[in-house]
């Protein structure tokens, strides 16, 4: 299932990704630190969604209360909730 998440409080403005059988694929950030976010997308490609959330949730960027990795964890949490409702 494909998802688009509008980020809040980060330099990136959105995250697009797919989840199939609780596995994360095709992670693409819009805006933000291009190289770093491509790297994050590559690192989490093929990972279990629960593991990605566990590893990235709560990551801060400088003085900000969130970060692009934290926003991805939040997006995945919402995606899990949506998929559970549709099951």
PDB file of N, CA and C in Angstrom:
ATOM      1  N   UNK A   1       0.850  -1.170   0.000  1.00  0.00           N
ATOM      2  CA  UNK A   1       0.000   0.000   0.000  1.00  0.00           C
ATOM      3  C   UNK A   1       0.898   1.236   0.000  1.00  0.00           C
ATOM      4  N   UNK A   2       0.547   2.211  -0.804  1.00  0.00           N
ATOM      5  CA  UNK A   2       1.331   3.440  -0.911  1.00  0.00           C
ATOM      6  C   UNK A   2       0.800   4.500   0.058  1.00  0.00           C
ATOM      7  N   UNK A   3       1.737   5.252   0.648  1.00  0.00           N
ATOM      8  CA  UNK A   3       1.378   6.324   1.578  1.00  0.00           C
ATOM      9  C   UNK A   3       2.168   7.578   1.246  1.00  0.00           C
ATOM     10  N   UNK A   4       1.547   8.728   1.482  1.00  0.00           N
ATOM     11  CA  UNK A   4       2.214  10.022   1.438  1.00  0.00           C
ATOM     12  C   UNK A   4       1.930  10.706   2.766  1.00  0.00           C
ATOM     13  N   UNK A   5       2.988  11.155   3.420  1.00  0.00           N
ATOM     14  CA  UNK A   5       2.868  11.796   4.730  1.00  0.00           C
ATOM     15  C   UNK A   5       3.434  13.202   4.626  1.00  0.00           C
ATOM     16  N   UNK A   6       2.654  14.194   5.019  1.00  0.00           N
ATOM     17  CA  UNK A   6       3.110  15.587   5.055  1.00  0.00           C
ATOM     18  C   UNK A   6       3.828  15.811   6.386  1.00  0.00           C
ATOM     19  N   UNK A   7       5.114  16.086   6.316  1.00  0.00           N
ATOM     20  CA  UNK A   7       5.914  16.240   7.530  1.00  0.00           C
ATOM     21  C   UNK A   7       5.614  17.562   8.224  1.00  0.00           C
ATOM     22  N   UNK A   8       5.961  17.620   9.498  1.00  0.00           N
ATOM     23  CA  UNK A   8       5.777  18.825  10.310  1.00  0.00           C
ATOM     24  C   UNK A   8       7.047  19.088  11.098  1.00  0.00           C
ATOM     25  N   UNK A   9       7.525  20.331  11.049  1.00  0.00           N
ATOM     26  CA  UNK A   9       8.667  20.726  11.865  1.00  0.00           C
ATOM     27  C   UNK A   9      10.018  20.301  11.320  1.00  0.00           C
ATOM     28  N   UNK A  10      10.081  19.950  10.026  1.00  0.00           N
ATOM     29  CA  UNK A  10      11.355  19.541   9.431  1.00  0.00           C
ATOM     30  C   UNK A  10      11.582  20.277   8.116  1.00  0.00           C
ATOM     31  N   UNK A  11      12.790  20.175   7.604  1.00  0.00           N
ATOM     32  CA  UNK A  11      13.109  20.788   6.311  1.00  0.00           C
ATOM     33  C   UNK A  11      12.430  20.049   5.171  1.00  0.00           C
ATOM     34  N   UNK A  12      12.246  18.744   5.308  1.00  0.00           N
ATOM     35  CA  UNK A  12      11.517  18.005   4.276  1.00  0.00           C
ATOM     36  C   UNK A  12      10.033  18.349   4.403  1.00  0.00           C
ATOM     37  N   UNK A  13       9.302  18.244   3.295  1.00  0.00           N
ATOM     38  CA  UNK A  13       7.881  18.598   3.326  1.00  0.00           C
ATOM     39  C   UNK A  13       6.961  17.386   3.231  1.00  0.00           C
ATOM     40  N   UNK A  14       7.492  16.247   2.764  1.00  0.00           N
ATOM     41  CA  UNK A  14       6.661  15.052   2.623  1.00  0.00           C
ATOM     42  C   UNK A  14       7.543  13.812   2.544  1.00  0.00           C
ATOM     43  N   UNK A  15       6.928  12.676   2.838  1.00  0.00           N
ATOM     44  CA  UNK A  15       7.581  11.378   2.694  1.00  0.00           C
ATOM     45  C   UNK A  15       6.604  10.462   1.965  1.00  0.00           C
ATOM     46  N   UNK A  16       7.075   9.855   0.889  1.00  0.00           N
ATOM     47  CA  UNK A  16       6.306   8.842   0.171  1.00  0.00           C
ATOM     48  C   UNK A  16       6.955   7.492   0.441  1.00  0.00           C
ATOM     49  N   UNK A  17       6.126   6.466   0.629  1.00  0.00           N
ATOM     50  CA  UNK A  17       6.664   5.133   0.879  1.00  0.00           C
ATOM     51  C   UNK A  17       5.589   4.092   0.636  1.00  0.00           C
ATOM     52  N   UNK A  18       6.031   2.852   0.516  1.00  0.00           N
ATOM     53  CA  UNK A  18       5.126   1.719   0.359  1.00  0.00           C
ATOM     54  C   UNK A  18       5.356   0.743   1.507  1.00  0.00           C
ATOM     55  N   UNK A  19       4.277   0.075   1.922  1.00  0.00           N
ATOM     56  CA  UNK A  19       4.351  -0.981   2.937  1.00  0.00           C
ATOM     57  C   UNK A  19       3.587  -2.188   2.404  1.00  0.00           C
ATOM     58  N   UNK A  20       4.268  -3.312   2.329  1.00  0.00           N
ATOM     59  CA  UNK A  20       3.645  -4.578   1.937  1.00  0.00           C
ATOM     60  C   UNK A  20       4.110  -5.651   2.908  1.00  0.00           C
ATOM     61  N   UNK A  21       3.166  -6.358   3.514  1.00  0.00           N
ATOM     62  CA  UNK A  21       3.494  -7.415   4.480  1.00  0.00           C
ATOM     63  C   UNK A  21       4.397  -6.903   5.595  1.00  0.00           C
ATOM     64  N   UNK A  22       4.134  -5.669   6.049  1.00  0.00           N
ATOM     65  CA  UNK A  22       4.866  -5.012   7.126  1.00  0.00           C
ATOM     66  C   UNK A  22       6.333  -4.744   6.784  1.00  0.00           C
ATOM     67  N   UNK A  23       6.644  -4.666   5.484  1.00  0.00           N
ATOM     68  CA  UNK A  23       7.997  -4.356   5.020  1.00  0.00           C
ATOM     69  C   UNK A  23       7.960  -3.018   4.287  1.00  0.00           C
ATOM     70  N   UNK A  24       8.922  -2.162   4.602  1.00  0.00           N
ATOM     71  CA  UNK A  24       8.996  -0.813   4.056  1.00  0.00           C
ATOM     72  C   UNK A  24       9.810  -0.795   2.765  1.00  0.00           C
ATOM     73  N   UNK A  25       9.277  -0.141   1.729  1.00  0.00           N
ATOM     74  CA  UNK A  25      10.005   0.011   0.468  1.00  0.00           C
ATOM     75  C   UNK A  25       9.718   1.382  -0.134  1.00  0.00           C
ATOM     76  N   UNK A  26      10.539   1.744  -1.102  1.00  0.00           N
ATOM     77  CA  UNK A  26      10.342   2.955  -1.921  1.00  0.00           C
ATOM     78  C   UNK A  26      10.204   4.230  -1.104  1.00  0.00           C
ATOM     79  N   UNK A  27      11.087   4.432  -0.139  1.00  0.00           N
ATOM     80  CA  UNK A  27      11.044   5.627   0.708  1.00  0.00           C
ATOM     81  C   UNK A  27      11.670   6.798  -0.041  1.00  0.00           C
ATOM     82  N   UNK A  28      10.883   7.872  -0.217  1.00  0.00           N
ATOM     83  CA  UNK A  28      11.371   9.077  -0.894  1.00  0.00           C
ATOM     84  C   UNK A  28      10.925  10.294  -0.095  1.00  0.00           C
ATOM     85  N   UNK A  29      11.901  11.102   0.325  1.00  0.00           N
ATOM     86  CA  UNK A  29      11.624  12.356   1.023  1.00  0.00           C
ATOM     87  C   UNK A  29      11.581  13.484  -0.004  1.00  0.00           C
ATOM     88  N   UNK A  30      10.688  14.447   0.191  1.00  0.00           N
ATOM     89  CA  UNK A  30      10.623  15.652  -0.634  1.00  0.00           C
ATOM     90  C   UNK A  30      11.237  16.783   0.175  1.00  0.00           C
ATOM     91  N   UNK A  31      12.257  17.419  -0.382  1.00  0.00           N
ATOM     92  CA  UNK A  31      12.950  18.489   0.323  1.00  0.00           C
ATOM     93  C   UNK A  31      13.917  17.927   1.354  1.00  0.00           C
ATOM     94  N   UNK A  32      14.437  18.810   2.172  1.00  0.00           N
ATOM     95  CA  UNK A  32      15.367  18.391   3.219  1.00  0.00           C
ATOM     96  C   UNK A  32      16.778  18.193   2.711  1.00  0.00           C
ATOM     97  N   UNK A  33      17.591  17.534   3.498  1.00  0.00           N
ATOM     98  CA  UNK A  33      19.002  17.275   3.186  1.00  0.00           C
ATOM     99  C   UNK A  33      19.085  16.079   2.242  1.00  0.00           C
ATOM    100  N   UNK A  34      19.170  16.362   0.973  1.00  0.00           N
ATOM    101  CA  UNK A  34      19.031  15.360  -0.075  1.00  0.00           C
ATOM    102  C   UNK A  34      19.872  14.102   0.155  1.00  0.00           C
ATOM    103  N   UNK A  35      21.158  14.248   0.338  1.00  0.00           N
ATOM    104  CA  UNK A  35      22.028  13.079   0.495  1.00  0.00           C
ATOM    105  C   UNK A  35      21.711  12.278   1.738  1.00  0.00           C
ATOM    106  N   UNK A  36      21.510  12.961   2.855  1.00  0.00           N
ATOM    107  CA  UNK A  36      21.194  12.267   4.103  1.00  0.00           C
ATOM    108  C   UNK A  36      19.879  11.507   4.007  1.00  0.00           C
ATOM    109  N   UNK A  37      18.890  12.123   3.394  1.00  0.00           N
ATOM    110  CA  UNK A  37      17.578  11.489   3.317  1.00  0.00           C
ATOM    111  C   UNK A  37      17.554  10.349   2.311  1.00  0.00           C
ATOM    112  N   UNK A  38      18.339  10.456   1.243  1.00  0.00           N
ATOM    113  CA  UNK A  38      18.488   9.315   0.339  1.00  0.00           C
ATOM    114  C   UNK A  38      19.158   8.163   1.091  1.00  0.00           C
ATOM    115  N   UNK A  39      20.132   8.495   1.936  1.00  0.00           N
ATOM    116  CA  UNK A  39      20.813   7.475   2.735  1.00  0.00           C
ATOM    117  C   UNK A  39      19.869   6.785   3.697  1.00  0.00           C
ATOM    118  N   UNK A  40      19.029   7.546   4.378  1.00  0.00           N
ATOM    119  CA  UNK A  40      18.051   6.959   5.296  1.00  0.00           C
ATOM    120  C   UNK A  40      17.108   6.043   4.522  1.00  0.00           C
ATOM    121  N   UNK A  41      16.637   6.515   3.366  1.00  0.00           N
ATOM    122  CA  UNK A  41      15.758   5.697   2.547  1.00  0.00           C
ATOM    123  C   UNK A  41      16.403   4.379   2.152  1.00  0.00           C
ATOM    124  N   UNK A  42      17.675   4.426   1.793  1.00  0.00           N
ATOM    125  CA  UNK A  42      18.393   3.202   1.425  1.00  0.00           C
ATOM    126  C   UNK A  42      18.585   2.276   2.624  1.00  0.00           C
ATOM    127  N   UNK A  43      18.882   2.841   3.766  1.00  0.00           N
ATOM    128  CA  UNK A  43      19.116   2.023   4.960  1.00  0.00           C
ATOM    129  C   UNK A  43      17.867   1.295   5.430  1.00  0.00           C
ATOM    130  N   UNK A  44      16.708   1.926   5.316  1.00  0.00           N
ATOM    131  CA  UNK A  44      15.478   1.302   5.818  1.00  0.00           C
ATOM    132  C   UNK A  44      14.772   0.454   4.752  1.00  0.00           C
ATOM    133  N   UNK A  45      15.219   0.519   3.515  1.00  0.00           N
ATOM    134  CA  UNK A  45      14.626  -0.261   2.426  1.00  0.00           C
ATOM    135  C   UNK A  45      14.618  -1.750   2.779  1.00  0.00           C
ATOM    136  N   UNK A  46      13.440  -2.357   2.729  1.00  0.00           N
ATOM    137  CA  UNK A  46      13.311  -3.782   2.997  1.00  0.00           C
ATOM    138  C   UNK A  46      13.225  -4.163   4.463  1.00  0.00           C
ATOM    139  N   UNK A  47      13.252  -3.171   5.355  1.00  0.00           N
ATOM    140  CA  UNK A  47      13.182  -3.453   6.793  1.00  0.00           C
ATOM    141  C   UNK A  47      11.742  -3.626   7.256  1.00  0.00           C
ATOM    142  N   UNK A  48      11.589  -4.339   8.343  1.00  0.00           N
ATOM    143  CA  UNK A  48      10.312  -4.489   9.017  1.00  0.00           C
ATOM    144  C   UNK A  48       9.903  -3.126   9.576  1.00  0.00           C
ATOM    145  N   UNK A  49       8.657  -2.739   9.363  1.00  0.00           N
ATOM    146  CA  UNK A  49       8.158  -1.430   9.788  1.00  0.00           C
ATOM    147  C   UNK A  49       8.340  -1.225  11.292  1.00  0.00           C
ATOM    148  N   UNK A  50       8.061  -2.240  12.087  1.00  0.00           N
ATOM    149  CA  UNK A  50       8.194  -2.107  13.543  1.00  0.00           C
ATOM    150  C   UNK A  50       9.635  -1.791  13.937  1.00  0.00           C
ATOM    151  N   UNK A  51      10.587  -2.388  13.247  1.00  0.00           N
ATOM    152  CA  UNK A  51      12.004  -2.147  13.539  1.00  0.00           C
ATOM    153  C   UNK A  51      12.405  -0.729  13.151  1.00  0.00           C
ATOM    154  N   UNK A  52      11.908  -0.244  12.026  1.00  0.00           N
ATOM    155  CA  UNK A  52      12.210   1.124  11.605  1.00  0.00           C
ATOM    156  C   UNK A  52      11.661   2.108  12.639  1.00  0.00           C
ATOM    157  N   UNK A  53      10.435   1.900  13.073  1.00  0.00           N
ATOM    158  CA  UNK A  53       9.839   2.774  14.086  1.00  0.00           C
ATOM    159  C   UNK A  53      10.674   2.749  15.362  1.00  0.00           C
ATOM    160  N   UNK A  54      11.036   1.563  15.810  1.00  0.00           N
ATOM    161  CA  UNK A  54      11.818   1.417  17.042  1.00  0.00           C
ATOM    162  C   UNK A  54      13.141   2.169  16.961  1.00  0.00           C
ATOM    163  N   UNK A  55      13.797   2.082  15.828  1.00  0.00           N
ATOM    164  CA  UNK A  55      15.113   2.701  15.685  1.00  0.00           C
ATOM    165  C   UNK A  55      15.067   4.220  15.500  1.00  0.00           C
ATOM    166  N   UNK A  56      14.035   4.731  14.825  1.00  0.00           N
ATOM    167  CA  UNK A  56      14.020   6.147  14.450  1.00  0.00           C
ATOM    168  C   UNK A  56      13.165   7.051  15.336  1.00  0.00           C
ATOM    169  N   UNK A  57      12.195   6.463  16.020  1.00  0.00           N
ATOM    170  CA  UNK A  57      11.262   7.247  16.830  1.00  0.00           C
ATOM    171  C   UNK A  57      12.009   8.053  17.888  1.00  0.00           C
ATOM    172  N   UNK A  58      11.659   9.337  17.990  1.00  0.00           N
ATOM    173  CA  UNK A  58      12.228  10.193  19.031  1.00  0.00           C
ATOM    174  C   UNK A  58      13.537  10.864  18.665  1.00  0.00           C
ATOM    175  N   UNK A  59      14.028  10.654  17.453  1.00  0.00           N
ATOM    176  CA  UNK A  59      15.261  11.302  17.010  1.00  0.00           C
ATOM    177  C   UNK A  59      15.004  12.797  16.848  1.00  0.00           C
ATOM    178  N   UNK A  60      15.883  13.617  17.413  1.00  0.00           N
ATOM    179  CA  UNK A  60      15.748  15.068  17.309  1.00  0.00           C
ATOM    180  C   UNK A  60      16.768  15.609  16.323  1.00  0.00           C
ATOM    181  N   UNK A  61      16.470  16.761  15.725  1.00  0.00           N
ATOM    182  CA  UNK A  61      17.388  17.453  14.820  1.00  0.00           C
ATOM    183  C   UNK A  61      17.747  18.783  15.475  1.00  0.00           C
ATOM    184  N   UNK A  62      18.932  18.841  16.050  1.00  0.00           N
ATOM    185  CA  UNK A  62      19.353  20.060  16.743  1.00  0.00           C
ATOM    186  C   UNK A  62      18.388  20.391  17.868  1.00  0.00           C
ATOM    187  N   UNK A  63      17.865  21.600  17.856  1.00  0.00           N
ATOM    188  CA  UNK A  63      16.954  22.066  18.910  1.00  0.00           C
ATOM    189  C   UNK A  63      15.504  21.666  18.652  1.00  0.00           C
ATOM    190  N   UNK A  64      15.231  21.108  17.472  1.00  0.00           N
ATOM    191  CA  UNK A  64      13.857  20.743  17.112  1.00  0.00           C
ATOM    192  C   UNK A  64      13.390  19.525  17.895  1.00  0.00           C
ATOM    193  N   UNK A  65      12.103  19.457  18.124  1.00  0.00           N
ATOM    194  CA  UNK A  65      11.498  18.336  18.842  1.00  0.00           C
ATOM    195  C   UNK A  65      11.341  17.096  17.971  1.00  0.00           C
ATOM    196  N   UNK A  66      11.646  17.212  16.690  1.00  0.00           N
ATOM    197  CA  UNK A  66      11.482  16.110  15.744  1.00  0.00           C
ATOM    198  C   UNK A  66      12.636  16.148  14.757  1.00  0.00           C
ATOM    199  N   UNK A  67      12.589  15.267  13.781  1.00  0.00           N
ATOM    200  CA  UNK A  67      13.591  15.194  12.717  1.00  0.00           C
ATOM    201  C   UNK A  67      12.956  14.448  11.549  1.00  0.00           C
ATOM    202  N   UNK A  68      13.647  14.408  10.436  1.00  0.00           N
ATOM    203  CA  UNK A  68      13.122  13.628   9.308  1.00  0.00           C
ATOM    204  C   UNK A  68      12.999  12.142   9.660  1.00  0.00           C
ATOM    205  N   UNK A  69      13.998  11.538  10.340  1.00  0.00           N
ATOM    206  CA  UNK A  69      13.814  10.148  10.748  1.00  0.00           C
ATOM    207  C   UNK A  69      12.633   9.959  11.702  1.00  0.00           C
ATOM    208  N   UNK A  70      12.454  10.870  12.643  1.00  0.00           N
ATOM    209  CA  UNK A  70      11.319  10.792  13.562  1.00  0.00           C
ATOM    210  C   UNK A  70      10.002  10.940  12.805  1.00  0.00           C
ATOM    211  N   UNK A  71       9.970  11.820  11.808  1.00  0.00           N
ATOM    212  CA  UNK A  71       8.762  11.986  11.008  1.00  0.00           C
ATOM    213  C   UNK A  71       8.442  10.712  10.231  1.00  0.00           C
ATOM    214  N   UNK A  72       9.475  10.005   9.767  1.00  0.00           N
ATOM    215  CA  UNK A  72       9.246   8.727   9.100  1.00  0.00           C
ATOM    216  C   UNK A  72       8.638   7.728  10.081  1.00  0.00           C
ATOM    217  N   UNK A  73       9.142   7.694  11.304  1.00  0.00           N
ATOM    218  CA  UNK A  73       8.565   6.795  12.315  1.00  0.00           C
ATOM    219  C   UNK A  73       7.104   7.145  12.579  1.00  0.00           C
ATOM    220  N   UNK A  74       6.793   8.420  12.653  1.00  0.00           N
ATOM    221  CA  UNK A  74       5.407   8.846  12.867  1.00  0.00           C
ATOM    222  C   UNK A  74       4.531   8.464  11.676  1.00  0.00           C
ATOM    223  N   UNK A  75       5.060   8.645  10.475  1.00  0.00           N
ATOM    224  CA  UNK A  75       4.320   8.287   9.270  1.00  0.00           C
ATOM    225  C   UNK A  75       4.022   6.790   9.245  1.00  0.00           C
ATOM    226  N   UNK A  76       4.999   5.986   9.633  1.00  0.00           N
ATOM    227  CA  UNK A  76       4.814   4.539   9.639  1.00  0.00           C
ATOM    228  C   UNK A  76       3.801   4.109  10.695  1.00  0.00           C
ATOM    229  N   UNK A  77       3.796   4.777  11.829  1.00  0.00           N
ATOM    230  CA  UNK A  77       2.818   4.477  12.876  1.00  0.00           C
ATOM    231  C   UNK A  77       1.406   4.748  12.359  1.00  0.00           C
ATOM    232  N   UNK A  78       1.227   5.885  11.695  1.00  0.00           N
ATOM    233  CA  UNK A  78      -0.082   6.205  11.113  1.00  0.00           C
ATOM    234  C   UNK A  78      -0.462   5.218  10.013  1.00  0.00           C
ATOM    235  N   UNK A  79       0.515   4.812   9.206  1.00  0.00           N
ATOM    236  CA  UNK A  79       0.249   3.842   8.145  1.00  0.00           C
ATOM    237  C   UNK A  79      -0.213   2.512   8.740  1.00  0.00           C
ATOM    238  N   UNK A  80       0.429   2.078   9.825  1.00  0.00           N
ATOM    239  CA  UNK A  80       0.017   0.836  10.479  1.00  0.00           C
ATOM    240  C   UNK A  80      -1.419   0.936  10.978  1.00  0.00           C
ATOM    241  N   UNK A  81      -1.769   2.084  11.558  1.00  0.00           N
ATOM    242  CA  UNK A  81      -3.134   2.280  12.049  1.00  0.00           C
ATOM    243  C   UNK A  81      -4.136   2.223  10.898  1.00  0.00           C
ATOM    244  N   UNK A  82      -3.804   2.863   9.787  1.00  0.00           N
ATOM    245  CA  UNK A  82      -4.690   2.875   8.627  1.00  0.00           C
ATOM    246  C   UNK A  82      -4.857   1.471   8.053  1.00  0.00           C
ATOM    247  N   UNK A  83      -3.761   0.721   7.960  1.00  0.00           N
ATOM    248  CA  UNK A  83      -3.843  -0.643   7.429  1.00  0.00           C
ATOM    249  C   UNK A  83      -4.654  -1.551   8.349  1.00  0.00           C
ATOM    250  N   UNK A  84      -4.540  -1.335   9.665  1.00  0.00           N
ATOM    251  CA  UNK A  84      -5.316  -2.136  10.623  1.00  0.00           C
ATOM    252  C   UNK A  84      -6.810  -1.856  10.485  1.00  0.00           C
ATOM    253  N   UNK A  85      -7.169  -0.598  10.210  1.00  0.00           N
ATOM    254  CA  UNK A  85      -8.569  -0.234  10.013  1.00  0.00           C
ATOM    255  C   UNK A  85      -9.136  -0.859   8.747  1.00  0.00           C
ATOM    256  N   UNK A  86      -8.296  -0.997   7.727  1.00  0.00           N
ATOM    257  CA  UNK A  86      -8.730  -1.551   6.445  1.00  0.00           C
ATOM    258  C   UNK A  86      -8.703  -3.076   6.413  1.00  0.00           C
ATOM    259  N   UNK A  87      -8.146  -3.696   7.453  1.00  0.00           N
ATOM    260  CA  UNK A  87      -8.014  -5.169   7.456  1.00  0.00           C
ATOM    261  C   UNK A  87      -9.323  -5.844   7.771  1.00  0.00           C
TER     262      UNK A  87
END
